[in-house]
Amino acid sequence: MARTIIDIDEDKLARAQRALRTGTKRETVNAALELAAAIDADKRAHVLASFRDLLDRLDLDLIEQDEADDHTGSVA
């Protein structure tokens, strides 16, 4: 673990400490970092699930036919 000196807003730290139920500044900062990373991972998972859902609903045959028509100049 690295040791870093930073300026921290004491009011926000106290609010975070109460919300996260941590006892020290170090625990609070580490818990907040863990929470932020988890939220980011959840967002990525949600976007990926939405993308997969969209792919499942696509009519690939229609898309392929449309692309084929574009290359031959035909209109379906």
PDB file of N, CA and C in Angstrom:
ATOM      1  N   MET A   1       0.849  -1.166   0.000  1.00  0.00           N
ATOM      2  CA  MET A   1       0.000   0.000   0.000  1.00  0.00           C
ATOM      3  C   MET A   1       0.899   1.234   0.000  1.00  0.00           C
ATOM      4  N   ALA A   2       0.515   2.252  -0.759  1.00  0.00           N
ATOM      5  CA  ALA A   2       1.293   3.484  -0.846  1.00  0.00           C
ATOM      6  C   ALA A   2       0.834   4.491   0.205  1.00  0.00           C
ATOM      7  N   ARG A   3       1.763   5.297   0.641  1.00  0.00           N
ATOM      8  CA  ARG A   3       1.446   6.366   1.584  1.00  0.00           C
ATOM      9  C   ARG A   3       1.378   7.663   0.778  1.00  0.00           C
ATOM     10  N   THR A   4       0.246   8.372   0.875  1.00  0.00           N
ATOM     11  CA  THR A   4       0.016   9.583   0.102  1.00  0.00           C
ATOM     12  C   THR A   4      -0.504  10.685   1.006  1.00  0.00           C
ATOM     13  N   ILE A   5       0.017  11.877   0.844  1.00  0.00           N
ATOM     14  CA  ILE A   5      -0.459  13.024   1.613  1.00  0.00           C
ATOM     15  C   ILE A   5      -1.419  13.808   0.729  1.00  0.00           C
ATOM     16  N   ILE A   6      -2.659  13.981   1.219  1.00  0.00           N
ATOM     17  CA  ILE A   6      -3.671  14.725   0.464  1.00  0.00           C
ATOM     18  C   ILE A   6      -4.450  15.637   1.402  1.00  0.00           C
ATOM     19  N   ASP A   7      -5.043  16.677   0.836  1.00  0.00           N
ATOM     20  CA  ASP A   7      -5.949  17.544   1.594  1.00  0.00           C
ATOM     21  C   ASP A   7      -7.349  16.967   1.466  1.00  0.00           C
ATOM     22  N   ILE A   8      -8.029  16.809   2.600  1.00  0.00           N
ATOM     23  CA  ILE A   8      -9.367  16.232   2.610  1.00  0.00           C
ATOM     24  C   ILE A   8     -10.323  17.199   3.296  1.00  0.00           C
ATOM     25  N   ASP A   9     -11.484  17.386   2.685  1.00  0.00           N
ATOM     26  CA  ASP A   9     -12.539  18.208   3.280  1.00  0.00           C
ATOM     27  C   ASP A   9     -13.034  17.483   4.530  1.00  0.00           C
ATOM     28  N   GLU A  10     -12.811  18.071   5.693  1.00  0.00           N
ATOM     29  CA  GLU A  10     -13.148  17.412   6.961  1.00  0.00           C
ATOM     30  C   GLU A  10     -14.646  17.144   7.116  1.00  0.00           C
ATOM     31  N   ASP A  11     -15.485  18.072   6.636  1.00  0.00           N
ATOM     32  CA  ASP A  11     -16.940  17.862   6.733  1.00  0.00           C
ATOM     33  C   ASP A  11     -17.379  16.668   5.887  1.00  0.00           C
ATOM     34  N   LYS A  12     -16.863  16.586   4.672  1.00  0.00           N
ATOM     35  CA  LYS A  12     -17.213  15.462   3.800  1.00  0.00           C
ATOM     36  C   LYS A  12     -16.659  14.161   4.360  1.00  0.00           C
ATOM     37  N   LEU A  13     -15.476  14.222   4.925  1.00  0.00           N
ATOM     38  CA  LEU A  13     -14.895  13.029   5.527  1.00  0.00           C
ATOM     39  C   LEU A  13     -15.758  12.540   6.685  1.00  0.00           C
ATOM     40  N   ALA A  14     -16.211  13.464   7.519  1.00  0.00           N
ATOM     41  CA  ALA A  14     -17.060  13.087   8.652  1.00  0.00           C
ATOM     42  C   ALA A  14     -18.380  12.485   8.165  1.00  0.00           C
ATOM     43  N   ARG A  15     -18.972  13.076   7.136  1.00  0.00           N
ATOM     44  CA  ARG A  15     -20.221  12.534   6.582  1.00  0.00           C
ATOM     45  C   ARG A  15     -19.990  11.142   6.000  1.00  0.00           C
ATOM     46  N   ALA A  16     -18.886  10.976   5.292  1.00  0.00           N
ATOM     47  CA  ALA A  16     -18.563   9.673   4.718  1.00  0.00           C
ATOM     48  C   ALA A  16     -18.315   8.651   5.825  1.00  0.00           C
ATOM     49  N   GLN A  17     -17.644   9.091   6.888  1.00  0.00           N
ATOM     50  CA  GLN A  17     -17.367   8.184   8.004  1.00  0.00           C
ATOM     51  C   GLN A  17     -18.656   7.678   8.635  1.00  0.00           C
ATOM     52  N   ARG A  18     -19.614   8.575   8.795  1.00  0.00           N
ATOM     53  CA  ARG A  18     -20.902   8.153   9.352  1.00  0.00           C
ATOM     54  C   ARG A  18     -21.640   7.232   8.387  1.00  0.00           C
ATOM     55  N   ALA A  19     -21.641   7.583   7.114  1.00  0.00           N
ATOM     56  CA  ALA A  19     -22.363   6.783   6.121  1.00  0.00           C
ATOM     57  C   ALA A  19     -21.748   5.398   5.956  1.00  0.00           C
ATOM     58  N   LEU A  20     -20.429   5.335   5.995  1.00  0.00           N
ATOM     59  CA  LEU A  20     -19.737   4.067   5.774  1.00  0.00           C
ATOM     60  C   LEU A  20     -19.482   3.305   7.077  1.00  0.00           C
ATOM     61  N   ARG A  21     -19.799   3.970   8.192  1.00  0.00           N
ATOM     62  CA  ARG A  21     -19.598   3.372   9.527  1.00  0.00           C
ATOM     63  C   ARG A  21     -18.154   2.920   9.729  1.00  0.00           C
ATOM     64  N   THR A  22     -17.235   3.818   9.382  1.00  0.00           N
ATOM     65  CA  THR A  22     -15.812   3.539   9.565  1.00  0.00           C
ATOM     66  C   THR A  22     -15.291   4.328  10.758  1.00  0.00           C
ATOM     67  N   GLY A  23     -14.178   3.879  11.308  1.00  0.00           N
ATOM     68  CA  GLY A  23     -13.659   4.501  12.518  1.00  0.00           C
ATOM     69  C   GLY A  23     -12.481   5.435  12.316  1.00  0.00           C
ATOM     70  N   THR A  24     -11.743   5.223  11.227  1.00  0.00           N
ATOM     71  CA  THR A  24     -10.561   6.055  10.995  1.00  0.00           C
ATOM     72  C   THR A  24     -10.622   6.684   9.610  1.00  0.00           C
ATOM     73  N   LYS A  25      -9.771   7.701   9.424  1.00  0.00           N
ATOM     74  CA  LYS A  25      -9.692   8.341   8.106  1.00  0.00           C
ATOM     75  C   LYS A  25      -9.257   7.316   7.055  1.00  0.00           C
ATOM     76  N   ARG A  26      -8.282   6.514   7.407  1.00  0.00           N
ATOM     77  CA  ARG A  26      -7.775   5.511   6.474  1.00  0.00           C
ATOM     78  C   ARG A  26      -8.873   4.529   6.068  1.00  0.00           C
ATOM     79  N   GLU A  27      -9.630   4.024   7.034  1.00  0.00           N
ATOM     80  CA  GLU A  27     -10.734   3.106   6.732  1.00  0.00           C
ATOM     81  C   GLU A  27     -11.768   3.791   5.850  1.00  0.00           C
ATOM     82  N   THR A  28     -12.045   5.058   6.145  1.00  0.00           N
ATOM     83  CA  THR A  28     -13.055   5.796   5.381  1.00  0.00           C
ATOM     84  C   THR A  28     -12.623   5.975   3.936  1.00  0.00           C
ATOM     85  N   VAL A  29     -11.384   6.408   3.733  1.00  0.00           N
ATOM     86  CA  VAL A  29     -10.889   6.611   2.367  1.00  0.00           C
ATOM     87  C   VAL A  29     -10.862   5.291   1.607  1.00  0.00           C
ATOM     88  N   ASN A  30     -10.367   4.230   2.231  1.00  0.00           N
ATOM     89  CA  ASN A  30     -10.326   2.927   1.556  1.00  0.00           C
ATOM     90  C   ASN A  30     -11.723   2.401   1.246  1.00  0.00           C
ATOM     91  N   ALA A  31     -12.666   2.576   2.181  1.00  0.00           N
ATOM     92  CA  ALA A  31     -14.047   2.136   1.935  1.00  0.00           C
ATOM     93  C   ALA A  31     -14.682   2.942   0.810  1.00  0.00           C
ATOM     94  N   ALA A  32     -14.420   4.243   0.781  1.00  0.00           N
ATOM     95  CA  ALA A  32     -14.979   5.092  -0.278  1.00  0.00           C
ATOM     96  C   ALA A  32     -14.402   4.703  -1.642  1.00  0.00           C
ATOM     97  N   LEU A  33     -13.105   4.405  -1.678  1.00  0.00           N
ATOM     98  CA  LEU A  33     -12.481   3.971  -2.933  1.00  0.00           C
ATOM     99  C   LEU A  33     -13.057   2.637  -3.399  1.00  0.00           C
ATOM    100  N   GLU A  34     -13.244   1.734  -2.463  1.00  0.00           N
ATOM    101  CA  GLU A  34     -13.832   0.428  -2.799  1.00  0.00           C
ATOM    102  C   GLU A  34     -15.255   0.594  -3.319  1.00  0.00           C
ATOM    103  N   LEU A  35     -16.023   1.460  -2.673  1.00  0.00           N
ATOM    104  CA  LEU A  35     -17.401   1.718  -3.100  1.00  0.00           C
ATOM    105  C   LEU A  35     -17.431   2.327  -4.501  1.00  0.00           C
ATOM    106  N   ALA A  36     -16.554   3.300  -4.750  1.00  0.00           N
ATOM    107  CA  ALA A  36     -16.510   3.939  -6.070  1.00  0.00           C
ATOM    108  C   ALA A  36     -16.149   2.927  -7.151  1.00  0.00           C
ATOM    109  N   ALA A  37     -15.198   2.048  -6.864  1.00  0.00           N
ATOM    110  CA  ALA A  37     -14.801   1.024  -7.843  1.00  0.00           C
ATOM    111  C   ALA A  37     -15.946   0.046  -8.095  1.00  0.00           C
ATOM    112  N   ALA A  38     -16.675  -0.319  -7.050  1.00  0.00           N
ATOM    113  CA  ALA A  38     -17.804  -1.246  -7.196  1.00  0.00           C
ATOM    114  C   ALA A  38     -18.916  -0.620  -8.019  1.00  0.00           C
ATOM    115  N   ILE A  39     -19.200   0.643  -7.776  1.00  0.00           N
ATOM    116  CA  ILE A  39     -20.247   1.338  -8.530  1.00  0.00           C
ATOM    117  C   ILE A  39     -19.867   1.389 -10.005  1.00  0.00           C
ATOM    118  N   ASP A  40     -18.588   1.695 -10.284  1.00  0.00           N
ATOM    119  CA  ASP A  40     -18.125   1.746 -11.664  1.00  0.00           C
ATOM    120  C   ASP A  40     -18.273   0.381 -12.320  1.00  0.00           C
ATOM    121  N   ALA A  41     -17.932  -0.670 -11.608  1.00  0.00           N
ATOM    122  CA  ALA A  41     -18.071  -2.025 -12.152  1.00  0.00           C
ATOM    123  C   ALA A  41     -19.537  -2.360 -12.403  1.00  0.00           C
ATOM    124  N   ASP A  42     -20.416  -1.939 -11.491  1.00  0.00           N
ATOM    125  CA  ASP A  42     -21.851  -2.169 -11.677  1.00  0.00           C
ATOM    126  C   ASP A  42     -22.368  -1.439 -12.908  1.00  0.00           C
ATOM    127  N   LYS A  43     -21.898  -0.213 -13.121  1.00  0.00           N
ATOM    128  CA  LYS A  43     -22.316   0.541 -14.299  1.00  0.00           C
ATOM    129  C   LYS A  43     -21.865  -0.160 -15.575  1.00  0.00           C
ATOM    130  N   ARG A  44     -20.613  -0.628 -15.581  1.00  0.00           N
ATOM    131  CA  ARG A  44     -20.118  -1.346 -16.760  1.00  0.00           C
ATOM    132  C   ARG A  44     -20.930  -2.607 -17.004  1.00  0.00           C
ATOM    133  N   ALA A  45     -21.241  -3.326 -15.942  1.00  0.00           N
ATOM    134  CA  ALA A  45     -22.031  -4.553 -16.078  1.00  0.00           C
ATOM    135  C   ALA A  45     -23.415  -4.246 -16.615  1.00  0.00           C
ATOM    136  N   HIS A  46     -24.011  -3.154 -16.153  1.00  0.00           N
ATOM    137  CA  HIS A  46     -25.346  -2.767 -16.619  1.00  0.00           C
ATOM    138  C   HIS A  46     -25.315  -2.399 -18.106  1.00  0.00           C
ATOM    139  N   VAL A  47     -24.316  -1.628 -18.511  1.00  0.00           N
ATOM    140  CA  VAL A  47     -24.200  -1.234 -19.917  1.00  0.00           C
ATOM    141  C   VAL A  47     -23.983  -2.468 -20.791  1.00  0.00           C
ATOM    142  N   LEU A  48     -23.129  -3.382 -20.334  1.00  0.00           N
ATOM    143  CA  LEU A  48     -22.884  -4.603 -21.088  1.00  0.00           C
ATOM    144  C   LEU A  48     -24.150  -5.445 -21.212  1.00  0.00           C
ATOM    145  N   ALA A  49     -24.913  -5.561 -20.138  1.00  0.00           N
ATOM    146  CA  ALA A  49     -26.167  -6.318 -20.174  1.00  0.00           C
ATOM    147  C   ALA A  49     -27.158  -5.665 -21.141  1.00  0.00           C
ATOM    148  N   SER A  50     -27.224  -4.341 -21.130  1.00  0.00           N
ATOM    149  CA  SER A  50     -28.117  -3.629 -22.051  1.00  0.00           C
ATOM    150  C   SER A  50     -27.696  -3.858 -23.497  1.00  0.00           C
ATOM    151  N   PHE A  51     -26.384  -3.837 -23.740  1.00  0.00           N
ATOM    152  CA  PHE A  51     -25.873  -4.064 -25.089  1.00  0.00           C
ATOM    153  C   PHE A  51     -26.197  -5.475 -25.560  1.00  0.00           C
ATOM    154  N   ARG A  52     -26.020  -6.444 -24.660  1.00  0.00           N
ATOM    155  CA  ARG A  52     -26.350  -7.835 -25.024  1.00  0.00           C
ATOM    156  C   ARG A  52     -27.834  -7.986 -25.321  1.00  0.00           C
ATOM    157  N   ASP A  53     -28.662  -7.309 -24.546  1.00  0.00           N
ATOM    158  CA  ASP A  53     -30.102  -7.346 -24.781  1.00  0.00           C
ATOM    159  C   ASP A  53     -30.431  -6.759 -26.149  1.00  0.00           C
ATOM    160  N   LEU A  54     -29.789  -5.657 -26.477  1.00  0.00           N
ATOM    161  CA  LEU A  54     -30.000  -5.036 -27.779  1.00  0.00           C
ATOM    162  C   LEU A  54     -29.582  -5.981 -28.905  1.00  0.00           C
ATOM    163  N   LEU A  55     -28.437  -6.619 -28.743  1.00  0.00           N
ATOM    164  CA  LEU A  55     -27.979  -7.571 -29.761  1.00  0.00           C
ATOM    165  C   LEU A  55     -28.958  -8.719 -29.938  1.00  0.00           C
ATOM    166  N   ASP A  56     -29.533  -9.184 -28.831  1.00  0.00           N
ATOM    167  CA  ASP A  56     -30.507 -10.278 -28.907  1.00  0.00           C
ATOM    168  C   ASP A  56     -31.752  -9.880 -29.682  1.00  0.00           C
ATOM    169  N   ARG A  57     -32.079  -8.598 -29.680  1.00  0.00           N
ATOM    170  CA  ARG A  57     -33.305  -8.142 -30.351  1.00  0.00           C
ATOM    171  C   ARG A  57     -33.082  -7.748 -31.802  1.00  0.00           C
ATOM    172  N   LEU A  58     -31.828  -7.698 -32.253  1.00  0.00           N
ATOM    173  CA  LEU A  58     -31.555  -7.322 -33.636  1.00  0.00           C
ATOM    174  C   LEU A  58     -31.943  -8.443 -34.589  1.00  0.00           C
ATOM    175  N   ASP A  59     -32.456  -8.059 -35.734  1.00  0.00           N
ATOM    176  CA  ASP A  59     -32.770  -9.021 -36.796  1.00  0.00           C
ATOM    177  C   ASP A  59     -31.552  -9.070 -37.719  1.00  0.00           C
ATOM    178  N   LEU A  60     -30.631  -9.993 -37.422  1.00  0.00           N
ATOM    179  CA  LEU A  60     -29.383 -10.064 -38.170  1.00  0.00           C
ATOM    180  C   LEU A  60     -29.600 -10.418 -39.635  1.00  0.00           C
ATOM    181  N   ASP A  61     -30.592 -11.243 -39.924  1.00  0.00           N
ATOM    182  CA  ASP A  61     -30.884 -11.582 -41.322  1.00  0.00           C
ATOM    183  C   ASP A  61     -31.268 -10.336 -42.113  1.00  0.00           C
ATOM    184  N   LEU A  62     -32.081  -9.483 -41.501  1.00  0.00           N
ATOM    185  CA  LEU A  62     -32.500  -8.250 -42.163  1.00  0.00           C
ATOM    186  C   LEU A  62     -31.310  -7.316 -42.373  1.00  0.00           C
ATOM    187  N   ILE A  63     -30.440  -7.218 -41.400  1.00  0.00           N
ATOM    188  CA  ILE A  63     -29.259  -6.360 -41.520  1.00  0.00           C
ATOM    189  C   ILE A  63     -28.339  -6.882 -42.627  1.00  0.00           C
ATOM    190  N   GLU A  64     -28.108  -8.198 -42.645  1.00  0.00           N
ATOM    191  CA  GLU A  64     -27.257  -8.782 -43.685  1.00  0.00           C
ATOM    192  C   GLU A  64     -27.849  -8.562 -45.073  1.00  0.00           C
ATOM    193  N   GLN A  65     -29.162  -8.719 -45.189  1.00  0.00           N
ATOM    194  CA  GLN A  65     -29.809  -8.502 -46.482  1.00  0.00           C
ATOM    195  C   GLN A  65     -29.695  -7.043 -46.913  1.00  0.00           C
ATOM    196  N   ASP A  66     -29.866  -6.143 -45.950  1.00  0.00           N
ATOM    197  CA  ASP A  66     -29.767  -4.713 -46.237  1.00  0.00           C
ATOM    198  C   ASP A  66     -28.354  -4.362 -46.711  1.00  0.00           C
ATOM    199  N   GLU A  67     -27.352  -4.940 -46.066  1.00  0.00           N
ATOM    200  CA  GLU A  67     -25.960  -4.686 -46.486  1.00  0.00           C
ATOM    201  C   GLU A  67     -25.700  -5.274 -47.874  1.00  0.00           C
ATOM    202  N   ALA A  68     -26.231  -6.455 -48.120  1.00  0.00           N
ATOM    203  CA  ALA A  68     -26.056  -7.085 -49.433  1.00  0.00           C
ATOM    204  C   ALA A  68     -26.717  -6.220 -50.518  1.00  0.00           C
ATOM    205  N   ASP A  69     -27.909  -5.692 -50.211  1.00  0.00           N
ATOM    206  CA  ASP A  69     -28.618  -4.836 -51.166  1.00  0.00           C
ATOM    207  C   ASP A  69     -27.830  -3.566 -51.444  1.00  0.00           C
ATOM    208  N   ASP A  70     -27.171  -3.021 -50.391  1.00  0.00           N
ATOM    209  CA  ASP A  70     -26.363  -1.805 -50.580  1.00  0.00           C
ATOM    210  C   ASP A  70     -25.209  -2.059 -51.535  1.00  0.00           C
ATOM    211  N   HIS A  71     -24.635  -3.261 -51.488  1.00  0.00           N
ATOM    212  CA  HIS A  71     -23.494  -3.574 -52.336  1.00  0.00           C
ATOM    213  C   HIS A  71     -23.910  -3.882 -53.771  1.00  0.00           C
ATOM    214  N   THR A  72     -25.124  -4.367 -53.959  1.00  0.00           N
ATOM    215  CA  THR A  72     -25.579  -4.705 -55.315  1.00  0.00           C
ATOM    216  C   THR A  72     -26.424  -3.597 -55.925  1.00  0.00           C
ATOM    217  N   GLY A  73     -26.827  -2.643 -55.119  1.00  0.00           N
ATOM    218  CA  GLY A  73     -27.656  -1.554 -55.626  1.00  0.00           C
ATOM    219  C   GLY A  73     -29.128  -1.909 -55.646  1.00  0.00           C
ATOM    220  N   SER A  74     -29.503  -3.078 -55.110  1.00  0.00           N
ATOM    221  CA  SER A  74     -30.902  -3.506 -55.072  1.00  0.00           C
ATOM    222  C   SER A  74     -31.622  -2.831 -53.913  1.00  0.00           C
ATOM    223  N   VAL A  75     -32.932  -2.812 -54.028  1.00  0.00           N
ATOM    224  CA  VAL A  75     -33.750  -2.291 -52.949  1.00  0.00           C
ATOM    225  C   VAL A  75     -34.730  -3.383 -52.564  1.00  0.00           C
ATOM    226  N   ALA A  76     -34.782  -3.705 -51.278  1.00  0.00           N
ATOM    227  CA  ALA A  76     -35.665  -4.776 -50.818  1.00  0.00           C
ATOM    228  C   ALA A  76     -37.083  -4.326 -50.754  1.00  0.00           C
TER     229      ALA A  76
END
